[in-house]
Protein backbone atom coordinates (compact mmCIF):
# COMPACT_ATOMS: atom_id res chain seq x y z
CA MET A 1 4.33 13.58 24.10
CA ARG A 2 2.32 15.82 21.42
CA TYR A 3 3.84 14.47 18.32
CA LEU A 4 4.95 11.04 20.30
CA ARG A 5 1.73 10.35 21.66
CA PRO A 6 -0.46 9.13 18.12
CA LEU A 7 1.88 7.50 17.20
CA TRP A 8 2.18 4.77 20.18
CA PRO A 9 1.64 1.82 18.02
CA GLY A 10 4.52 2.65 15.93
CA LEU A 11 7.04 2.93 19.56
CA LEU A 12 5.43 -0.18 21.01
CA LEU A 13 6.52 -1.89 17.57
CA LEU A 14 10.01 -0.54 18.22
CA THR A 15 10.08 -1.39 21.82
CA VAL A 16 9.19 -5.18 20.95
CA PHE A 17 11.82 -4.89 17.90
CA LEU A 18 14.47 -3.73 20.06
CA LEU A 19 14.25 -5.75 23.10
CA ALA A 20 14.42 -9.35 21.12
CA ASN A 21 17.36 -7.66 19.67
CA VAL A 22 18.94 -7.31 23.12
CA GLY A 23 17.79 -10.52 23.90
CA LEU A 24 19.52 -12.51 20.60
CA GLN A 25 22.44 -10.26 21.43
CA LEU A 26 22.95 -12.19 24.99
CA LEU A 27 21.61 -15.56 23.00
CA ASN A 28 24.18 -15.91 21.09
CA PRO A 29 27.49 -15.76 22.83
CA LEU A 30 26.07 -18.22 25.44
CA ILE A 31 25.61 -20.53 22.00
CA ALA A 32 29.76 -19.81 21.31
CA LYS A 33 30.10 -20.62 24.63
CA SER A 34 28.60 -23.93 24.60
CA PHE A 35 30.29 -24.80 20.99
CA ILE A 36 33.38 -23.82 22.42
CA ASP A 37 33.47 -25.39 25.11
CA ALA A 38 31.70 -28.54 23.99
CA ALA A 39 34.76 -28.75 21.37
CA ARG A 40 37.16 -28.77 23.83
CA ALA A 41 35.14 -31.66 25.43
CA GLY A 42 35.18 -34.25 22.47
CA VAL A 43 31.53 -33.49 21.67
CA PRO A 44 30.53 -35.21 18.29
CA VAL A 45 30.31 -32.98 14.87
CA GLU A 46 27.18 -33.98 14.40
CA ALA A 47 26.27 -31.52 17.62
CA LEU A 48 28.45 -29.31 16.95
CA THR A 49 27.30 -28.88 13.74
CA VAL A 50 23.85 -28.14 14.75
CA THR A 51 25.16 -25.67 17.34
CA ALA A 52 26.64 -23.77 14.56
CA ILE A 53 23.70 -23.52 12.68
CA VAL A 54 21.75 -22.38 15.48
CA PHE A 55 24.53 -19.51 16.16
CA LEU A 56 23.96 -18.49 12.24
CA ALA A 57 20.46 -18.29 12.59
CA VAL A 58 20.64 -16.77 15.88
CA ALA A 59 22.50 -14.14 13.98
CA LEU A 60 20.63 -13.97 10.85
CA LEU A 61 17.33 -12.89 13.11
CA ILE A 62 19.42 -10.19 14.75
CA GLN A 63 20.11 -8.65 11.33
CA GLY A 64 16.43 -9.11 10.20
CA VAL A 65 15.34 -7.45 13.37
CA SER A 66 17.68 -4.70 13.09
CA VAL A 67 16.54 -4.03 9.97
CA ALA A 68 12.67 -4.12 11.01
CA GLU A 69 14.13 -1.63 14.14
CA GLY A 70 15.45 0.55 11.84
CA TYR A 71 12.32 0.60 9.43
CA VAL A 72 9.89 1.52 11.99
CA ALA A 73 12.28 4.12 13.76
CA GLU A 74 12.64 5.91 10.57
CA ASN A 75 9.06 5.71 9.98
CA VAL A 76 8.19 7.17 13.36
CA GLY A 77 10.79 9.90 13.35
CA TRP A 78 9.69 11.10 9.81
CA LEU A 79 5.84 11.24 11.18
CA ALA A 80 6.97 13.16 14.53
CA THR A 81 8.92 15.48 12.95
CA ASN A 82 6.49 16.12 9.78
CA ALA A 83 3.53 16.47 12.17
CA LEU A 84 5.87 19.86 13.95
CA ARG A 85 7.30 20.86 10.39
CA ALA A 86 3.46 21.01 9.67
CA ASP A 87 2.59 22.64 13.02
CA LEU A 88 5.51 25.06 12.65
CA THR A 89 5.02 26.28 9.33
CA GLU A 90 1.00 26.75 10.01
CA HIS A 91 2.71 29.44 12.89
CA CYS A 92 5.34 31.19 10.76
CA LEU A 93 2.26 31.60 8.08
CA GLU A 94 0.03 33.02 11.20
CA LEU A 95 2.94 35.82 12.27
CA ASP A 96 2.49 38.83 11.19
CA LEU A 97 3.97 40.84 8.31
CA GLY A 98 6.42 42.50 10.63
CA PHE A 99 7.95 39.83 12.02
CA HIS A 100 8.86 38.47 7.57
CA GLN A 101 10.29 41.74 7.42
CA THR A 102 12.97 41.11 9.80
CA HIS A 103 13.46 37.66 9.39
CA GLN A 104 14.33 36.55 5.65
CA PRO A 105 12.85 33.32 4.17
CA GLY A 106 16.24 31.13 4.49
CA GLU A 107 16.43 31.58 8.42
CA LEU A 108 12.43 30.26 8.71
CA ILE A 109 13.45 27.13 6.53
CA GLU A 110 16.66 26.16 8.82
CA ARG A 111 14.08 26.52 11.66
CA VAL A 112 11.11 24.71 10.03
CA ASP A 113 13.31 22.16 8.31
CA GLY A 114 16.96 22.15 9.21
CA ASP A 115 16.16 21.95 13.36
CA VAL A 116 13.41 19.52 12.70
CA SER A 117 15.51 17.32 10.86
CA ALA A 118 17.96 17.50 13.96
CA LEU A 119 14.91 16.40 16.02
CA SER A 120 14.86 13.15 14.29
CA ASN A 121 16.42 10.29 16.17
CA PHE A 122 15.54 12.29 19.47
CA PHE A 123 11.57 11.55 18.31
CA ALA A 124 12.38 8.05 16.70
CA SER A 125 14.43 6.26 19.16
CA PHE A 126 15.71 8.23 22.22
CA VAL A 127 14.27 7.20 24.61
CA VAL A 128 13.39 3.55 23.37
CA GLN A 129 17.14 3.54 22.31
CA ILE A 130 18.58 4.73 26.02
CA VAL A 131 16.04 2.09 27.67
CA GLY A 132 16.89 -0.55 25.28
CA ASN A 133 21.31 -0.35 25.22
CA GLY A 134 20.32 -0.04 29.24
CA VAL A 135 18.83 -3.47 29.10
CA LEU A 136 21.77 -4.50 27.17
CA LEU A 137 23.91 -3.60 30.07
CA VAL A 138 22.49 -4.89 32.53
CA GLY A 139 21.51 -8.42 30.79
CA ILE A 140 25.32 -8.58 29.39
CA LEU A 141 26.52 -8.07 33.71
CA ALA A 142 23.73 -10.39 35.41
CA LEU A 143 25.20 -13.30 32.59
CA LEU A 144 28.41 -12.70 33.40
CA PHE A 145 27.66 -12.75 37.11
CA ARG A 146 26.32 -16.43 36.56
CA VAL A 147 29.24 -17.50 34.93
CA ASP A 148 31.84 -15.73 37.48
CA TRP A 149 30.86 -12.55 39.90
CA ARG A 150 34.40 -11.38 39.70
CA LEU A 151 34.25 -10.83 36.30
CA SER A 152 31.17 -9.38 36.38
CA LEU A 153 32.00 -7.04 39.03
CA LEU A 154 35.15 -5.61 37.23
CA LEU A 155 32.86 -4.97 34.26
CA THR A 156 30.24 -3.03 36.73
CA ALA A 157 33.05 -1.11 37.73
CA VAL A 158 34.01 0.02 34.29
CA CYS A 159 30.50 0.78 33.07
CA VAL A 160 29.97 3.30 36.43
CA VAL A 161 32.72 4.85 35.74
CA ALA A 162 32.46 5.07 32.13
CA GLY A 163 28.67 6.08 32.78
CA GLY A 164 29.54 8.64 35.14
CA LEU A 165 31.72 10.92 33.05
CA MET A 166 29.37 10.72 30.01
CA ALA A 167 26.75 11.70 32.29
CA VAL A 168 28.92 14.50 33.68
CA THR A 169 30.05 16.05 30.15
CA SER A 170 27.01 15.16 28.47
CA GLY A 171 25.73 19.16 29.01
CA ILE A 172 29.20 20.59 27.53
CA GLY A 173 28.51 20.62 24.10
CA THR A 174 25.04 22.12 23.76
CA ARG A 175 25.74 25.33 23.27
CA PHE A 176 28.55 24.93 20.66
CA VAL A 177 25.58 22.99 18.84
CA GLY A 178 23.55 26.08 18.94
CA LEU A 179 26.14 27.91 17.77
CA ARG A 180 26.44 25.77 14.92
CA ARG A 181 22.99 26.18 13.90
CA GLY A 182 22.69 29.68 14.46
CA ALA A 183 25.62 30.01 11.68
CA SER A 184 23.76 27.53 9.18
CA ALA A 185 20.43 29.61 9.55
CA GLU A 186 22.36 32.80 8.42
CA VAL A 187 24.03 30.65 5.21
CA PHE A 188 20.34 29.76 4.35
CA ALA A 189 19.12 33.42 4.95
CA ALA A 190 22.19 34.61 2.74
CA LEU A 191 21.54 32.02 -0.01
CA GLU A 192 17.78 32.73 -0.31
CA GLU A 193 18.93 36.45 -0.86
CA GLN A 194 21.58 36.07 -3.35
CA LEU A 195 19.67 33.50 -5.15
CA GLY A 196 16.32 36.06 -4.96
CA GLY A 197 18.76 38.81 -6.49
CA LEU A 198 20.75 36.78 -8.72
CA SER A 199 19.73 39.21 -11.44
CA ASP A 200 20.19 42.49 -10.01
CA ILE A 201 23.81 40.73 -8.83
CA GLN A 202 24.84 39.57 -12.35
CA GLY A 203 23.56 42.99 -13.96
CA ASN A 204 25.20 45.42 -11.88
CA GLY A 205 28.35 43.21 -11.47
CA ALA A 206 28.59 42.30 -7.63
CA ARG A 207 29.42 38.79 -8.19
CA ALA A 208 33.29 39.52 -6.38
CA TYR A 209 31.39 40.90 -3.23
CA ILE A 210 28.97 38.42 -2.59
CA LEU A 211 31.41 35.75 -3.35
CA GLY A 212 33.78 37.17 -0.70
CA ARG A 213 31.30 37.66 2.20
CA TRP A 214 29.40 33.85 1.08
CA GLN A 215 32.86 32.79 1.79
CA THR A 216 33.03 34.73 5.01
CA GLN A 217 29.73 33.50 6.12
CA LEU A 218 30.93 29.53 5.30
CA ARG A 219 34.39 30.25 7.03
CA THR A 220 32.20 30.91 10.07
CA LEU A 221 30.05 28.09 9.99
CA VAL A 222 32.75 24.78 9.16
CA GLU A 223 34.67 26.71 12.54
CA ARG A 224 31.48 25.78 14.27
CA ALA A 225 30.52 23.41 13.13
CA SER A 226 34.41 21.75 13.58
CA ARG A 227 34.66 23.04 17.15
CA SER A 228 31.03 21.80 17.90
CA THR A 229 32.37 18.11 16.57
CA LEU A 230 35.54 18.55 18.52
CA VAL A 231 34.31 19.41 22.00
CA GLY A 232 31.29 16.92 21.21
CA GLY A 233 34.16 14.20 20.57
CA ALA A 234 36.04 15.60 23.54
CA VAL A 235 33.02 14.85 26.36
CA THR A 236 32.90 11.40 25.31
CA SER A 237 36.42 10.57 24.65
CA PRO A 238 36.89 9.88 28.79
CA GLY A 239 34.23 7.59 28.92
CA LEU A 240 35.34 5.39 26.25
CA LEU A 241 39.32 5.76 27.23
CA VAL A 242 37.57 4.19 30.54
CA LEU A 243 36.17 1.16 28.74
CA GLY A 244 39.11 0.51 26.47
CA ILE A 245 41.46 -0.02 29.52
CA GLY A 246 38.33 -1.27 31.48
CA SER A 247 38.30 -4.33 28.16
CA ILE A 248 42.08 -5.37 29.22
CA ALA A 249 41.77 -5.79 32.37
CA VAL A 250 38.77 -7.56 32.13
CA PHE A 251 40.04 -10.15 29.27
CA GLY A 252 43.24 -10.18 31.68
CA MET A 253 41.76 -11.06 34.88
CA ALA A 254 39.72 -13.59 32.58
CA ALA A 255 43.14 -15.27 30.74
CA LEU A 256 44.47 -15.68 34.72
CA LEU A 257 41.17 -17.33 36.35
CA HIS A 258 41.68 -19.85 32.74
CA ARG A 259 45.17 -20.58 33.43
CA ALA A 260 44.33 -20.91 37.39
CA GLY A 261 41.62 -23.69 35.99
CA ILE A 262 38.53 -21.36 37.54
CA VAL A 263 36.68 -20.85 34.42
CA SER A 264 37.07 -22.80 30.79
CA ILE A 265 37.90 -21.44 27.62
CA GLY A 266 34.63 -20.81 26.74
CA THR A 267 33.96 -18.51 29.55
CA VAL A 268 37.18 -16.54 28.81
CA PHE A 269 35.48 -15.98 24.96
CA LEU A 270 32.28 -15.12 26.57
CA ALA A 271 33.80 -12.44 29.11
CA PHE A 272 35.78 -11.33 25.83
CA GLN A 273 32.64 -11.07 24.38
CA TYR A 274 30.40 -9.46 26.52
CA THR A 275 32.93 -6.71 26.96
CA ALA A 276 33.38 -6.15 23.26
CA MET A 277 29.78 -6.13 22.94
CA LEU A 278 29.50 -3.81 25.79
CA ARG A 279 31.14 -0.95 23.52
CA ALA A 280 28.15 -0.78 21.49
CA PRO A 281 25.69 -0.20 23.68
CA LEU A 282 27.84 2.53 25.77
CA ASP A 283 28.81 3.91 22.32
CA ARG A 284 24.91 4.05 21.43
CA LEU A 285 24.30 5.67 24.38
CA THR A 286 27.28 8.43 23.54
CA ARG A 287 25.55 9.02 20.08
CA GLN A 288 22.54 9.68 21.84
CA VAL A 289 24.54 11.81 24.36
CA ARG A 290 25.57 13.70 21.07
CA ASP A 291 22.19 13.83 19.61
CA LEU A 292 20.32 15.12 22.99
CA GLN A 293 22.96 17.97 22.65
CA THR A 294 21.78 18.61 19.46
CA ALA A 295 18.15 18.12 19.88
CA ALA A 296 18.25 20.45 22.93
CA ALA A 297 20.21 23.37 21.06
CA SER A 298 17.63 22.85 18.46
CA ILE A 299 14.29 22.70 20.99
CA GLU A 300 15.54 25.64 22.25
CA ARG A 301 15.54 27.56 18.40
CA ILE A 302 12.43 25.79 18.08
CA ALA A 303 10.71 26.73 20.90
CA TRP A 304 11.62 30.31 20.27
CA LEU A 305 9.71 30.09 17.01
CA THR A 306 7.27 28.28 18.57
CA THR A 307 6.63 30.99 21.27
CA THR A 308 7.07 34.18 19.02
CA PRO A 309 3.72 35.83 19.50
CA ARG A 310 2.16 37.66 16.44
CA THR A 311 1.55 41.04 17.17
CA VAL A 312 -1.83 41.27 15.34
CA GLU A 313 -4.14 38.91 17.10
CA ASP A 314 -7.73 37.27 15.95
CA GLY A 315 -10.75 39.29 16.47
CA ARG A 316 -13.54 37.91 18.39
CA GLY A 317 -15.83 37.11 15.71
CA VAL A 318 -17.69 40.17 14.67
CA GLU A 319 -18.45 39.15 10.81
CA LEU A 320 -18.07 41.88 8.51
CA PRO A 321 -21.79 43.50 6.23
CA ALA A 322 -21.74 41.81 2.78
CA GLY A 323 -21.66 43.68 0.01
CA PRO A 324 -19.70 47.35 -0.61
CA LEU A 325 -17.81 48.42 2.63
CA ALA A 326 -17.34 52.05 4.05
CA VAL A 327 -13.40 52.47 5.06
CA GLU A 328 -12.81 54.70 7.58
CA PHE A 329 -9.63 56.06 9.44
CA ARG A 330 -10.04 57.37 12.88
CA ALA A 331 -6.56 59.48 14.07
CA VAL A 332 -4.71 56.17 13.42
CA SER A 333 -0.95 56.74 13.53
CA PHE A 334 1.12 53.88 12.79
CA GLY A 335 5.03 53.42 13.12
CA TYR A 336 7.53 50.68 11.92
CA ASP A 337 9.60 51.06 15.08
CA GLU A 338 9.00 53.43 18.26
CA THR A 339 11.42 56.17 16.61
CA SER A 340 9.66 56.91 13.42
CA ARG A 341 6.13 57.26 12.73
CA ALA A 342 4.80 56.32 8.60
CA LEU A 343 1.44 57.70 9.26
CA ARG A 344 0.33 60.64 11.57
CA GLU A 345 -2.90 60.75 12.89
CA VAL A 346 -4.80 59.91 9.35
CA ALA A 347 -8.51 60.60 9.68
CA PHE A 348 -11.39 59.94 6.73
CA ARG A 349 -14.34 58.38 6.09
CA LEU A 350 -15.14 56.79 2.38
CA PRO A 351 -18.63 55.72 1.49
CA ALA A 352 -19.63 52.28 0.63
CA GLY A 353 -19.34 51.78 -3.10
CA ARG A 354 -16.73 54.57 -3.83
CA VAL A 355 -13.46 54.65 -4.97
CA LEU A 356 -10.43 56.56 -3.80
CA GLY A 357 -7.48 56.99 -5.43
CA VAL A 358 -4.57 57.59 -2.58
CA VAL A 359 -1.39 59.93 -4.43
CA GLY A 360 1.75 61.12 -2.72
CA ARG A 361 5.23 61.08 -2.79
CA THR A 362 7.22 58.04 -1.93
CA GLY A 363 7.60 57.15 1.79
CA SER A 364 4.58 59.51 2.19
CA GLY A 365 2.71 56.87 3.54
CA LYS A 366 0.84 55.45 0.58
CA SER A 367 1.64 51.60 0.87
CA THR A 368 1.28 51.31 4.76
CA LEU A 369 -2.28 53.57 4.07
CA MET A 370 -3.30 49.91 1.94
CA ARG A 371 -1.96 47.56 4.82
CA LEU A 372 -3.66 49.05 7.79
CA ALA A 373 -6.77 48.86 5.48
CA ALA A 374 -5.98 44.96 5.04
CA ARG A 375 -4.83 44.21 8.47
CA LEU A 376 -1.21 42.97 7.59
CA TYR A 377 -0.13 45.27 11.03
CA ASP A 378 -2.05 47.00 13.63
CA PRO A 379 -2.42 50.67 14.11
CA THR A 380 -0.60 52.27 17.05
CA GLU A 381 -3.13 54.56 17.81
CA GLY A 382 -6.50 54.91 16.50
CA GLU A 383 -8.91 52.61 14.57
CA VAL A 384 -9.68 51.51 11.12
CA ARG A 385 -13.16 50.59 10.62
CA LEU A 386 -14.92 48.39 7.84
CA GLY A 387 -18.06 48.54 6.86
CA GLY A 388 -18.58 50.04 10.59
CA VAL A 389 -16.70 46.98 12.30
CA GLY A 390 -12.92 47.47 13.87
CA LEU A 391 -10.44 45.36 12.32
CA ARG A 392 -9.40 44.02 15.72
CA ASP A 393 -12.93 42.93 16.20
CA THR A 394 -13.17 40.94 13.07
CA ARG A 395 -11.65 36.90 12.02
CA PHE A 396 -8.64 37.09 9.58
CA ALA A 397 -10.64 34.59 7.79
CA ASP A 398 -13.38 36.54 7.41
CA LEU A 399 -11.26 39.71 6.82
CA ARG A 400 -10.07 38.23 4.01
CA ARG A 401 -12.88 37.15 2.28
CA HIS A 402 -13.98 40.02 2.29
CA VAL A 403 -11.01 42.30 1.26
CA GLY A 404 -9.11 41.82 -1.96
CA VAL A 405 -6.01 43.34 -2.44
CA VAL A 406 -3.68 43.22 -5.70
CA THR A 407 -0.06 44.65 -5.17
CA GLN A 408 2.81 45.43 -7.95
CA ASP A 409 4.64 42.34 -6.94
CA VAL A 410 2.68 39.58 -7.98
CA GLN A 411 3.55 35.68 -6.09
CA LEU A 412 3.21 33.15 -8.81
CA PHE A 413 3.29 29.36 -7.79
CA ARG A 414 4.55 26.71 -9.80
CA ALA A 415 1.19 25.21 -9.92
CA SER A 416 -1.32 24.71 -12.77
CA VAL A 417 -3.25 27.88 -14.22
CA ARG A 418 -6.65 27.29 -12.01
CA ASP A 419 -4.59 26.46 -8.98
CA ASN A 420 -2.73 30.55 -9.22
CA VAL A 421 -6.03 31.85 -10.10
CA THR A 422 -8.54 30.23 -7.22
CA LEU A 423 -4.99 30.02 -4.81
CA PHE A 424 -6.00 26.18 -4.79
CA ASP A 425 -9.47 26.74 -4.20
CA SER A 426 -11.44 23.47 -5.44
CA SER A 427 -14.84 24.78 -4.78
CA LEU A 428 -14.54 27.41 -8.10
CA ASP A 429 -15.89 25.82 -11.32
CA ASP A 430 -13.99 25.70 -14.41
CA ALA A 431 -16.47 27.75 -16.21
CA ARG A 432 -16.36 30.79 -13.93
CA ILE A 433 -12.63 30.85 -14.04
CA GLN A 434 -12.60 30.79 -17.83
CA SER A 435 -15.34 33.21 -17.73
CA ALA A 436 -12.54 35.42 -15.20
CA LEU A 437 -9.69 35.10 -17.11
CA HIS A 438 -11.45 36.27 -20.64
CA ASP A 439 -13.52 39.22 -19.12
CA LEU A 440 -10.01 40.62 -17.67
CA GLY A 441 -8.50 40.06 -21.27
CA LEU A 442 -7.08 36.55 -20.76
CA GLY A 443 -9.35 34.87 -22.71
CA ASP A 444 -6.07 34.47 -26.18
CA TRP A 445 -3.57 34.05 -23.64
CA LEU A 446 -5.33 30.92 -21.88
CA ARG A 447 -6.44 29.10 -24.89
CA ALA A 448 -3.28 28.96 -26.52
CA LEU A 449 -1.58 27.31 -23.26
CA PRO A 450 -1.47 23.83 -23.92
CA ARG A 451 -3.32 22.12 -21.24
CA GLY A 452 -5.73 25.30 -20.51
CA LEU A 453 -6.18 25.28 -16.60
CA ASP A 454 -4.24 22.87 -16.47
CA THR A 455 -0.93 23.98 -17.40
CA GLU A 456 1.61 24.24 -15.43
CA LEU A 457 3.00 27.94 -14.36
CA ALA A 458 6.12 29.58 -13.00
CA SER A 459 7.38 33.57 -12.05
CA ASP A 460 9.74 32.89 -15.22
CA THR A 461 7.13 31.97 -17.82
CA VAL A 462 4.59 34.51 -17.62
CA SER A 463 5.10 38.08 -18.14
CA ALA A 464 4.81 41.26 -15.73
CA GLY A 465 1.23 42.08 -17.33
CA GLU A 466 -0.08 38.79 -17.49
CA GLY A 467 0.98 37.73 -14.07
CA GLN A 468 -0.39 41.44 -13.44
CA LEU A 469 -3.47 40.38 -14.87
CA LEU A 470 -3.36 36.66 -13.32
CA ALA A 471 -3.68 38.62 -9.87
CA PHE A 472 -6.69 40.51 -10.58
CA THR A 473 -8.84 37.09 -11.89
CA ARG A 474 -7.62 36.27 -8.13
CA VAL A 475 -9.07 39.58 -6.67
CA PHE A 476 -12.23 38.93 -9.30
CA LEU A 477 -12.94 35.77 -8.06
CA GLN A 478 -12.77 36.38 -4.87
CA ASP A 479 -15.76 38.51 -4.90
CA PRO A 480 -14.75 41.17 -1.95
CA GLY A 481 -16.31 44.42 -0.84
CA LEU A 482 -13.06 46.15 -0.67
CA VAL A 483 -10.71 46.36 -3.17
CA VAL A 484 -7.33 47.72 -2.71
CA LEU A 485 -4.70 48.36 -5.96
CA ASP A 486 -1.38 49.16 -4.33
CA GLU A 487 0.61 50.78 -7.26
CA ALA A 488 -1.25 47.39 -9.39
CA SER A 489 -0.64 49.16 -12.77
CA SER A 490 2.41 49.67 -12.61
CA ARG A 491 4.43 47.52 -13.92
CA LEU A 492 1.72 47.16 -17.55
CA ASP A 493 2.52 48.50 -20.34
CA LEU A 494 0.06 51.09 -21.52
CA ALA A 495 -1.41 48.81 -23.88
CA THR A 496 -2.17 46.27 -21.32
CA GLU A 497 -3.63 48.80 -19.07
CA ARG A 498 -6.04 49.73 -21.69
CA LEU A 499 -6.80 46.27 -21.67
CA ILE A 500 -8.01 45.48 -17.94
CA GLU A 501 -9.38 49.34 -17.87
CA ASN A 502 -13.26 47.57 -18.55
CA ALA A 503 -12.41 44.48 -16.34
CA VAL A 504 -11.22 47.34 -13.80
CA GLN A 505 -14.51 49.01 -13.91
CA ARG A 506 -16.46 45.94 -13.65
CA LEU A 507 -14.21 45.04 -10.94
CA PHE A 508 -14.45 47.79 -9.16
CA ALA A 509 -19.22 48.09 -9.75
CA GLY A 510 -21.05 47.75 -6.02
CA ARG A 511 -17.65 47.57 -4.70
CA THR A 512 -15.37 50.04 -2.97
CA ALA A 513 -12.62 50.47 -3.56
CA ILE A 514 -8.72 52.31 -2.63
CA VAL A 515 -6.34 52.86 -5.61
CA ILE A 516 -2.51 53.95 -4.60
CA ALA A 517 -0.92 54.75 -7.99
CA HIS A 518 2.15 56.76 -9.07
CA ARG A 519 0.76 57.37 -12.75
CA LEU A 520 -2.16 60.33 -12.78
CA GLU A 521 -4.03 57.95 -15.77
CA THR A 522 -4.50 54.85 -13.48
CA LEU A 523 -7.38 57.27 -10.98
CA ARG A 524 -9.20 58.14 -13.90
CA GLN A 525 -11.78 56.06 -12.25
CA ALA A 526 -11.21 57.89 -8.51
CA ASP A 527 -14.48 59.19 -6.89
CA ASP A 528 -12.46 60.41 -4.27
CA ILE A 529 -8.82 61.89 -4.05
CA LEU A 530 -6.77 61.55 -0.87
CA VAL A 531 -3.27 62.69 -0.77
CA LEU A 532 -0.70 62.02 1.81
CA ALA A 533 2.56 64.23 2.91
CA ASP A 534 4.94 63.20 5.52
CA GLY A 535 2.23 60.30 6.78
CA GLN A 536 0.11 63.05 6.74
CA VAL A 537 -3.45 63.59 4.75
CA VAL A 538 -2.75 67.15 3.43
CA GLU A 539 -5.78 66.91 0.90
CA TYR A 540 -8.90 64.63 0.63
CA ASP A 541 -12.53 65.40 -1.61
CA ARG A 542 -14.20 64.55 -4.61
CA ARG A 543 -11.94 64.30 -7.16
CA ALA A 544 -13.72 67.02 -9.20
CA CYS A 545 -13.95 69.37 -6.48
CA LEU A 546 -10.23 69.12 -6.53
CA VAL A 547 -9.87 69.14 -10.16
CA ALA A 548 -11.64 72.27 -10.62
CA ASP A 549 -10.05 74.15 -7.64
CA GLU A 550 -6.85 75.39 -9.36
CA THR A 551 -5.09 75.97 -6.06
CA SER A 552 -5.12 72.31 -4.76
CA ARG A 553 -2.27 70.12 -4.66
CA PHE A 554 -4.11 67.03 -6.87
CA ALA A 555 -4.41 70.29 -9.50
CA GLN A 556 -1.29 71.14 -9.21
CA LEU A 557 -0.20 67.37 -10.14
CA LEU A 558 -2.48 67.33 -12.78
CA ARG A 559 -1.16 70.50 -14.26
CA ALA A 560 2.56 68.85 -14.10
CA GLY A 561 1.33 65.75 -15.91
CA SER A 562 4.41 64.01 -14.94
CA ALA A 563 4.71 60.84 -12.82
CA GLU A 564 8.31 62.02 -11.35
CA VAL A 565 5.95 64.99 -9.74
CA LEU A 566 4.43 61.90 -8.18
CA VAL A 567 7.90 60.12 -7.40
C-alpha cells in the first residue's frame, strides 16, 4: 500500500480498462450467437452485415482497450518498483561498512534490481487482474445460466474443482523460486567479483579456475531454475487438466441438448465459446499464482534486506564545533568479529590543529583507527570524541561535513570533472573548483582537457596520481576540521608526491590531520607520532622528541630508512 497508494489514479484507470475489457469480451460471443441464429432463420443479408460489422467493431475495441490496459499496468508497475528500488538503494547506502564487507555488490544488485523486477506484475496488476478475471468468470457463468441452467451448472462445477486445485497447490512452488533467486544472486556476486579482478585474473593465468567456478555456479542456477519451473508447472497442471476435461463435457452436453431440440446451434456455439473463454481467465489466474510464488520469494528476500539494521546508528544531533577538531580516543577497543581485536585499549588525545602521523606494521590497526575516527564503525569498547563531542552523539551528515577522508583507493564516477570533485554538489561554483585544482597541481591537466570541468571522466582514463590528486581536491573543497589521509600517497610517484606537498600543507593549515603512511617521507609534516603494534599504542609523543630519543621505536625506523621495516 505504501507504494501503490500514491498511484491510485493509475490503478483506478487500470480498473476501468479491465472491467471494460471484461464487458466487451462477454458481449462479442452474444453477438456471434445472434448472428448464427439469425442466419439459420433466414434473416436478410443486410441485417446480418450490420451484426457482423458490430462484431468486428467490438473485436477491434477489445484490442484497443487491451493495449491501453497493458500500458497503464506497465506504467504503474514501473513507478511502484522504481520507488522501491530507490528506497532499497538508499537503505543499502545507509548500512555500515561491516555489512558491505560481508555482502558482495553483485548480491545487492540482484536484491535491488532482480528481486524488485520480479514484483513488477505484482505491483502493476495482481489485485486488479484477480478481480477482473474473477468478474469475467462470474459473468460467463451468469450469462450462460440465462441461456441454459444445465450448461451453466456443469461449467460452474468444473470451475470450482479447477480453482480449488489451484488454490491448494498455490504455495508449493515458493520455496523453489526462493532457491532460484538465491542462485541468481550468487551468480551476480561472482560476476561482479570477476570483472573487478579482471587484470589480476588475466595477469596471473587464473582463467581456467575462474571459468570452472563460473560453470559450477551457472549449473546450479540452471538446475534450480529448471526445478522451479517444473514445480510451478506441476502445481498448476491438475487445474488445467480438470478444465480441459470439463470443456469436453460441456461441449458434449450442448451437442446433446441441440440434438434434442432444447437449444439452438447459436447456443451450442455460445457454450463452446464461453467454455473456451474460461481458459483465458483461469490461465491468467494460474499465471498470477506463479507470479505470486515469485513475488512471495522476492518479498521475503527484500524484507530481509529492508529489516537489516545498521550497527552504526545516527546520533541525537549534537553538532561538532567549527574549525580544527581535537581527536580523543578513550580506552578504545574494536574487533571485526567476536574472536579477535584489531585495537586494544587505544588511548590518546590529539590537540586541535596538530598533525598526527600513525605508523606500524601491516595488521597493527592503522586503518582501523582511521575508520573509527571517521565513524565507519563504532568501538566495541571505549569512546571516540571529536572537538569534545562523542561520535555516537553526532549526526552522520554533520560528521561528514567536518571530517574529510582520502584513501589510496579512489572511486571516480563516469561523470564530469566537476561532479567528481564536488561529489555532485551543485552549490560549489566553477571558480572555486578551478582554484582548488590549480592549487593542487592540476591546473595544466585541467586546461588540457577538451571540455574543461565538463569533461567526462572514468577510472580507466585517469592515472593513479591524477586520481589521488582529485581525491585531495574533494577534501580541499569540503573544508573539514579534521583530515584523515589513509596511506593516501602510497600510490604516487615521488615527482607527483612533491607536486602536492605544498598543497597538502595548505590543506593542513588551520585543521587537525591524521596521516597513516607506510613511507616515512610522508610524515615530514607530522607534529606528533603514534606507533601501533598488535592493535596497541606502543609510542606516542611529539615527533621532534621521538627523533631525538635514539631508543624510541620511531627513531629506529628512521635509522632503518626502509619502507620494508614499516610493512
